[in-house]
Structures are given as structure tokens and as C-alpha cells.
Amino acid sequence: MSRRELIEWVVMLLMIVAWWPRIFLGYDPLWYHILVYYVSPVILVLITVRRIRANQEGFRYSERMMQGLEKPDVSGSEAGESGPQPPRPQLPFAPPSRNDDDDES
């Protein structure tokens, strides 16, 4: 967890705690009213927007990784070399093939 994410969590918890005096005690001076009703929603919206953008960037990064794994290796075939090709890396979540299981028994 990055420092920025930790700060976001602390701010969100403080915003939740800041609402308690208003809800349970009816405490509502002007400065507190401005903080609770105007500042806290703006801060929470900014945090939400930042997290949505980070999530979308993570999805784009995953798509680039998946597209990189799906590209066929044709570097040796164009040059006329028909030598052995290095094995393609498997996806990290792909189960082992049946041939790998047969070697163990």
C-alpha cells in the first residue's frame, strides 16, 4: 500500500468520525456545518475519482500484458530459420498441462 493510499484511508475514516457528533449529539456550529456538509463530500468525491482512474489504469496495464502474451513469435520464421523456438511463457493463472502431470507418476 502506497503512502498516498494510506492517507486516503485515514482521511475517509476521519470523515466518518466527523459525522458522529452531528448525528449522535446534534452538534452543528457554522464551521462544523461547512466541514461536514461541504468539505467532506468534495474530498470523498476526489478520492473516488482518483481510485477509479487508478483502477482503469490497472485494467489497461493488464490488457497490454495479455496482448503481449498472445502475440505469436515469428521472428525466426521470417528470416528463414527453422531452428527450435523458445517456449512461450504460460499465463500465471493457467493450470499445468496434462503432460506435466504424467511425468510425476
N, C-alpha and C. Protein backbone atom coordinates (compact mmCIF):
# COMPACT_ATOMS: atom_id res chain seq x y z
N MET A 1 0.84 -1.17 0.00
CA MET A 1 0.00 0.00 0.00
C MET A 1 0.90 1.24 0.00
N SER A 2 0.63 2.13 -0.91
CA SER A 2 1.45 3.33 -1.01
C SER A 2 1.07 4.33 0.07
N ARG A 3 1.92 5.30 0.24
CA ARG A 3 1.67 6.32 1.26
C ARG A 3 0.41 7.11 0.93
N ARG A 4 0.19 7.36 -0.33
CA ARG A 4 -0.99 8.12 -0.76
C ARG A 4 -2.27 7.35 -0.44
N GLU A 5 -2.28 6.05 -0.67
CA GLU A 5 -3.44 5.24 -0.34
C GLU A 5 -3.70 5.22 1.16
N LEU A 6 -2.64 5.16 1.94
CA LEU A 6 -2.77 5.18 3.40
C LEU A 6 -3.40 6.50 3.85
N ILE A 7 -2.96 7.60 3.27
CA ILE A 7 -3.53 8.90 3.60
C ILE A 7 -5.01 8.94 3.22
N GLU A 8 -5.36 8.35 2.07
CA GLU A 8 -6.76 8.31 1.66
C GLU A 8 -7.61 7.57 2.68
N TRP A 9 -7.12 6.42 3.16
CA TRP A 9 -7.86 5.64 4.15
C TRP A 9 -8.04 6.43 5.44
N VAL A 10 -7.00 7.11 5.88
CA VAL A 10 -7.09 7.89 7.11
C VAL A 10 -8.09 9.03 6.94
N VAL A 11 -8.07 9.72 5.80
CA VAL A 11 -9.00 10.81 5.55
C VAL A 11 -10.43 10.29 5.52
N MET A 12 -10.67 9.15 4.88
CA MET A 12 -12.02 8.59 4.83
C MET A 12 -12.52 8.23 6.23
N LEU A 13 -11.66 7.65 7.03
CA LEU A 13 -12.05 7.32 8.41
C LEU A 13 -12.33 8.58 9.22
N LEU A 14 -11.53 9.62 9.02
CA LEU A 14 -11.77 10.88 9.72
C LEU A 14 -13.09 11.52 9.29
N MET A 15 -13.44 11.38 8.03
CA MET A 15 -14.72 11.92 7.56
C MET A 15 -15.89 11.18 8.20
N ILE A 16 -15.75 9.89 8.35
CA ILE A 16 -16.81 9.11 9.02
C ILE A 16 -16.92 9.54 10.48
N VAL A 17 -15.80 9.67 11.16
CA VAL A 17 -15.80 10.08 12.56
C VAL A 17 -16.32 11.51 12.70
N ALA A 18 -16.05 12.37 11.73
CA ALA A 18 -16.50 13.75 11.80
C ALA A 18 -18.03 13.85 11.77
N TRP A 19 -18.70 12.89 11.19
CA TRP A 19 -20.16 12.92 11.15
C TRP A 19 -20.80 12.51 12.47
N TRP A 20 -20.08 11.79 13.33
CA TRP A 20 -20.66 11.27 14.57
C TRP A 20 -21.23 12.36 15.49
N PRO A 21 -20.51 13.46 15.78
CA PRO A 21 -21.11 14.47 16.66
C PRO A 21 -22.40 15.06 16.09
N ARG A 22 -22.47 15.22 14.79
CA ARG A 22 -23.69 15.75 14.17
C ARG A 22 -24.84 14.77 14.30
N ILE A 23 -24.57 13.52 14.06
CA ILE A 23 -25.63 12.50 14.08
C ILE A 23 -26.08 12.20 15.51
N PHE A 24 -25.14 11.96 16.42
CA PHE A 24 -25.49 11.48 17.76
C PHE A 24 -25.73 12.59 18.78
N LEU A 25 -25.07 13.74 18.63
CA LEU A 25 -25.18 14.80 19.63
C LEU A 25 -25.90 16.04 19.11
N GLY A 26 -26.14 16.13 17.82
CA GLY A 26 -26.79 17.30 17.26
C GLY A 26 -25.87 18.52 17.23
N TYR A 27 -24.59 18.32 17.34
CA TYR A 27 -23.60 19.40 17.34
C TYR A 27 -23.51 19.97 15.93
N ASP A 28 -23.77 21.31 15.78
CA ASP A 28 -23.79 21.88 14.44
C ASP A 28 -23.46 23.37 14.40
N PRO A 29 -22.27 23.79 14.89
CA PRO A 29 -21.89 25.19 14.69
C PRO A 29 -21.55 25.43 13.22
N LEU A 30 -21.40 26.69 12.83
CA LEU A 30 -21.21 27.03 11.42
C LEU A 30 -19.96 26.38 10.82
N TRP A 31 -18.82 26.46 11.49
CA TRP A 31 -17.58 25.89 10.94
C TRP A 31 -17.71 24.37 10.78
N TYR A 32 -18.39 23.75 11.73
CA TYR A 32 -18.56 22.29 11.65
C TYR A 32 -19.55 21.94 10.54
N HIS A 33 -20.58 22.74 10.39
CA HIS A 33 -21.56 22.53 9.31
C HIS A 33 -20.88 22.60 7.95
N ILE A 34 -20.02 23.59 7.76
CA ILE A 34 -19.29 23.73 6.49
C ILE A 34 -18.37 22.54 6.26
N LEU A 35 -17.68 22.12 7.30
CA LEU A 35 -16.77 20.96 7.18
C LEU A 35 -17.53 19.71 6.79
N VAL A 36 -18.59 19.42 7.50
CA VAL A 36 -19.30 18.16 7.30
C VAL A 36 -20.11 18.14 6.01
N TYR A 37 -20.79 19.22 5.72
CA TYR A 37 -21.71 19.21 4.58
C TYR A 37 -21.08 19.61 3.25
N TYR A 38 -19.99 20.36 3.28
CA TYR A 38 -19.42 20.85 2.02
C TYR A 38 -18.02 20.33 1.73
N VAL A 39 -17.17 20.25 2.73
CA VAL A 39 -15.78 19.85 2.50
C VAL A 39 -15.66 18.33 2.41
N SER A 40 -16.29 17.60 3.32
CA SER A 40 -16.13 16.14 3.30
C SER A 40 -16.67 15.49 2.02
N PRO A 41 -17.83 15.89 1.47
CA PRO A 41 -18.24 15.26 0.21
C PRO A 41 -17.28 15.55 -0.95
N VAL A 42 -16.74 16.76 -0.99
CA VAL A 42 -15.80 17.09 -2.07
C VAL A 42 -14.55 16.22 -1.95
N ILE A 43 -14.03 16.06 -0.76
CA ILE A 43 -12.84 15.23 -0.56
C ILE A 43 -13.13 13.78 -0.93
N LEU A 44 -14.28 13.27 -0.53
CA LEU A 44 -14.62 11.88 -0.85
C LEU A 44 -14.82 11.68 -2.35
N VAL A 45 -15.37 12.66 -3.04
CA VAL A 45 -15.52 12.56 -4.49
C VAL A 45 -14.14 12.56 -5.16
N LEU A 46 -13.23 13.40 -4.69
CA LEU A 46 -11.87 13.41 -5.26
C LEU A 46 -11.17 12.07 -5.06
N ILE A 47 -11.32 11.49 -3.88
CA ILE A 47 -10.71 10.18 -3.62
C ILE A 47 -11.33 9.13 -4.53
N THR A 48 -12.64 9.17 -4.70
CA THR A 48 -13.32 8.20 -5.57
C THR A 48 -12.85 8.32 -7.01
N VAL A 49 -12.76 9.55 -7.52
CA VAL A 49 -12.30 9.76 -8.89
C VAL A 49 -10.87 9.24 -9.06
N ARG A 50 -10.01 9.53 -8.09
CA ARG A 50 -8.63 9.06 -8.17
C ARG A 50 -8.55 7.53 -8.19
N ARG A 51 -9.38 6.89 -7.37
CA ARG A 51 -9.36 5.41 -7.33
C ARG A 51 -9.93 4.81 -8.61
N ILE A 52 -10.94 5.43 -9.19
CA ILE A 52 -11.49 4.94 -10.46
C ILE A 52 -10.43 5.04 -11.55
N ARG A 53 -9.72 6.16 -11.61
CA ARG A 53 -8.66 6.31 -12.61
C ARG A 53 -7.54 5.29 -12.40
N ALA A 54 -7.16 5.05 -11.16
CA ALA A 54 -6.11 4.06 -10.89
C ALA A 54 -6.58 2.66 -11.29
N ASN A 55 -7.85 2.36 -11.05
CA ASN A 55 -8.40 1.07 -11.44
C ASN A 55 -8.41 0.90 -12.95
N GLN A 56 -8.80 1.94 -13.69
CA GLN A 56 -8.80 1.88 -15.15
C GLN A 56 -7.37 1.72 -15.68
N GLU A 57 -6.42 2.39 -15.07
CA GLU A 57 -5.03 2.24 -15.49
C GLU A 57 -4.55 0.81 -15.25
N GLY A 58 -4.96 0.22 -14.15
CA GLY A 58 -4.62 -1.18 -13.89
C GLY A 58 -5.21 -2.12 -14.93
N PHE A 59 -6.45 -1.87 -15.35
CA PHE A 59 -7.06 -2.68 -16.40
C PHE A 59 -6.31 -2.53 -17.71
N ARG A 60 -5.93 -1.29 -18.05
CA ARG A 60 -5.18 -1.08 -19.30
C ARG A 60 -3.83 -1.80 -19.25
N TYR A 61 -3.17 -1.75 -18.11
CA TYR A 61 -1.90 -2.45 -17.94
C TYR A 61 -2.09 -3.96 -18.12
N SER A 62 -3.15 -4.52 -17.53
CA SER A 62 -3.43 -5.95 -17.68
C SER A 62 -3.71 -6.31 -19.13
N GLU A 63 -4.46 -5.47 -19.84
CA GLU A 63 -4.73 -5.75 -21.25
C GLU A 63 -3.45 -5.74 -22.06
N ARG A 64 -2.55 -4.80 -21.79
CA ARG A 64 -1.27 -4.78 -22.51
C ARG A 64 -0.46 -6.03 -22.22
N MET A 65 -0.49 -6.50 -20.98
CA MET A 65 0.23 -7.74 -20.65
C MET A 65 -0.36 -8.93 -21.39
N MET A 66 -1.69 -9.01 -21.42
CA MET A 66 -2.34 -10.14 -22.08
C MET A 66 -2.09 -10.10 -23.59
N GLN A 67 -2.11 -8.93 -24.19
CA GLN A 67 -1.83 -8.82 -25.62
C GLN A 67 -0.39 -9.19 -25.92
N GLY A 68 0.51 -8.88 -25.02
CA GLY A 68 1.91 -9.25 -25.21
C GLY A 68 2.12 -10.75 -25.14
N LEU A 69 1.32 -11.44 -24.32
CA LEU A 69 1.44 -12.89 -24.22
C LEU A 69 0.79 -13.60 -25.39
N GLU A 70 -0.18 -12.99 -26.03
CA GLU A 70 -0.90 -13.63 -27.13
C GLU A 70 -0.23 -13.47 -28.49
N LYS A 71 0.76 -12.61 -28.60
CA LYS A 71 1.41 -12.40 -29.90
C LYS A 71 2.23 -13.63 -30.27
N PRO A 72 2.08 -14.12 -31.50
CA PRO A 72 2.90 -15.27 -31.91
C PRO A 72 4.34 -14.83 -32.16
N ASP A 73 5.26 -15.73 -31.89
CA ASP A 73 6.68 -15.45 -32.09
C ASP A 73 7.06 -15.86 -33.51
N VAL A 74 7.19 -14.91 -34.41
CA VAL A 74 7.51 -15.19 -35.81
C VAL A 74 8.86 -14.60 -36.18
N SER A 75 9.68 -14.26 -35.22
CA SER A 75 10.95 -13.60 -35.53
C SER A 75 11.90 -14.52 -36.30
N GLY A 76 11.96 -15.81 -35.98
CA GLY A 76 12.86 -16.72 -36.69
C GLY A 76 12.31 -17.21 -38.01
N SER A 77 10.99 -17.29 -38.16
CA SER A 77 10.42 -17.83 -39.39
C SER A 77 10.54 -16.86 -40.55
N GLU A 78 10.56 -15.58 -40.31
CA GLU A 78 10.69 -14.62 -41.40
C GLU A 78 12.10 -14.62 -41.97
N ALA A 79 13.08 -14.89 -41.16
CA ALA A 79 14.46 -14.88 -41.62
C ALA A 79 14.85 -16.21 -42.26
N GLY A 80 13.95 -17.16 -42.31
CA GLY A 80 14.23 -18.44 -42.93
C GLY A 80 14.83 -19.44 -41.95
N GLU A 81 14.95 -19.09 -40.72
CA GLU A 81 15.48 -20.01 -39.72
C GLU A 81 14.35 -20.90 -39.23
N SER A 82 14.59 -22.18 -39.23
CA SER A 82 13.57 -23.09 -38.73
C SER A 82 14.07 -23.82 -37.49
N GLY A 83 14.96 -23.19 -36.77
CA GLY A 83 15.50 -23.78 -35.55
C GLY A 83 14.47 -23.81 -34.44
N PRO A 84 14.84 -24.41 -33.33
CA PRO A 84 13.89 -24.51 -32.22
C PRO A 84 13.57 -23.12 -31.66
N GLN A 85 12.33 -22.92 -31.36
CA GLN A 85 11.85 -21.67 -30.79
C GLN A 85 11.82 -21.80 -29.26
N PRO A 86 12.11 -20.74 -28.55
CA PRO A 86 12.00 -20.81 -27.09
C PRO A 86 10.54 -20.99 -26.70
N PRO A 87 10.27 -21.67 -25.60
CA PRO A 87 8.87 -21.89 -25.22
C PRO A 87 8.20 -20.57 -24.85
N ARG A 88 6.92 -20.49 -25.18
CA ARG A 88 6.14 -19.29 -24.83
C ARG A 88 5.84 -19.33 -23.34
N PRO A 89 5.91 -18.20 -22.68
CA PRO A 89 5.59 -18.21 -21.25
C PRO A 89 4.10 -18.45 -21.05
N GLN A 90 3.78 -19.25 -20.03
CA GLN A 90 2.38 -19.53 -19.74
C GLN A 90 1.82 -18.41 -18.88
N LEU A 91 0.53 -18.27 -18.91
CA LEU A 91 -0.13 -17.30 -18.06
C LEU A 91 0.06 -17.71 -16.60
N PRO A 92 0.16 -16.78 -15.70
CA PRO A 92 0.40 -17.15 -14.31
C PRO A 92 -0.76 -17.92 -13.68
N PHE A 93 -1.95 -17.80 -14.22
CA PHE A 93 -3.09 -18.49 -13.64
C PHE A 93 -3.47 -19.73 -14.44
N ALA A 94 -2.69 -20.09 -15.45
CA ALA A 94 -3.01 -21.26 -16.27
C ALA A 94 -2.65 -22.54 -15.51
N PRO A 95 -3.55 -23.52 -15.50
CA PRO A 95 -3.22 -24.78 -14.84
C PRO A 95 -2.16 -25.53 -15.63
N PRO A 96 -1.40 -26.40 -14.96
CA PRO A 96 -0.39 -27.16 -15.69
C PRO A 96 -1.04 -28.09 -16.70
N SER A 97 -0.31 -28.40 -17.77
CA SER A 97 -0.86 -29.27 -18.79
C SER A 97 -0.88 -30.72 -18.31
N ARG A 98 -1.60 -31.56 -19.01
CA ARG A 98 -1.71 -32.97 -18.63
C ARG A 98 -0.36 -33.68 -18.77
N ASN A 99 0.47 -33.27 -19.74
CA ASN A 99 1.76 -33.90 -19.92
C ASN A 99 2.67 -33.72 -18.71
N ASP A 100 2.58 -32.57 -18.05
CA ASP A 100 3.37 -32.35 -16.84
C ASP A 100 2.95 -33.28 -15.73
N ASP A 101 1.66 -33.60 -15.62
CA ASP A 101 1.17 -34.48 -14.58
C ASP A 101 1.59 -35.93 -14.82
N ASP A 102 1.69 -36.33 -16.09
CA ASP A 102 2.05 -37.73 -16.41
C ASP A 102 3.50 -38.01 -16.05
N ASP A 103 4.39 -37.03 -16.08
CA ASP A 103 5.79 -37.25 -15.78
C ASP A 103 6.02 -37.57 -14.32
N GLU A 104 5.13 -37.12 -13.43
CA GLU A 104 5.35 -37.32 -12.00
C GLU A 104 5.00 -38.73 -11.56
N SER A 105 4.14 -39.46 -12.25
CA SER A 105 3.73 -40.78 -11.77
C SER A 105 4.62 -41.89 -12.24
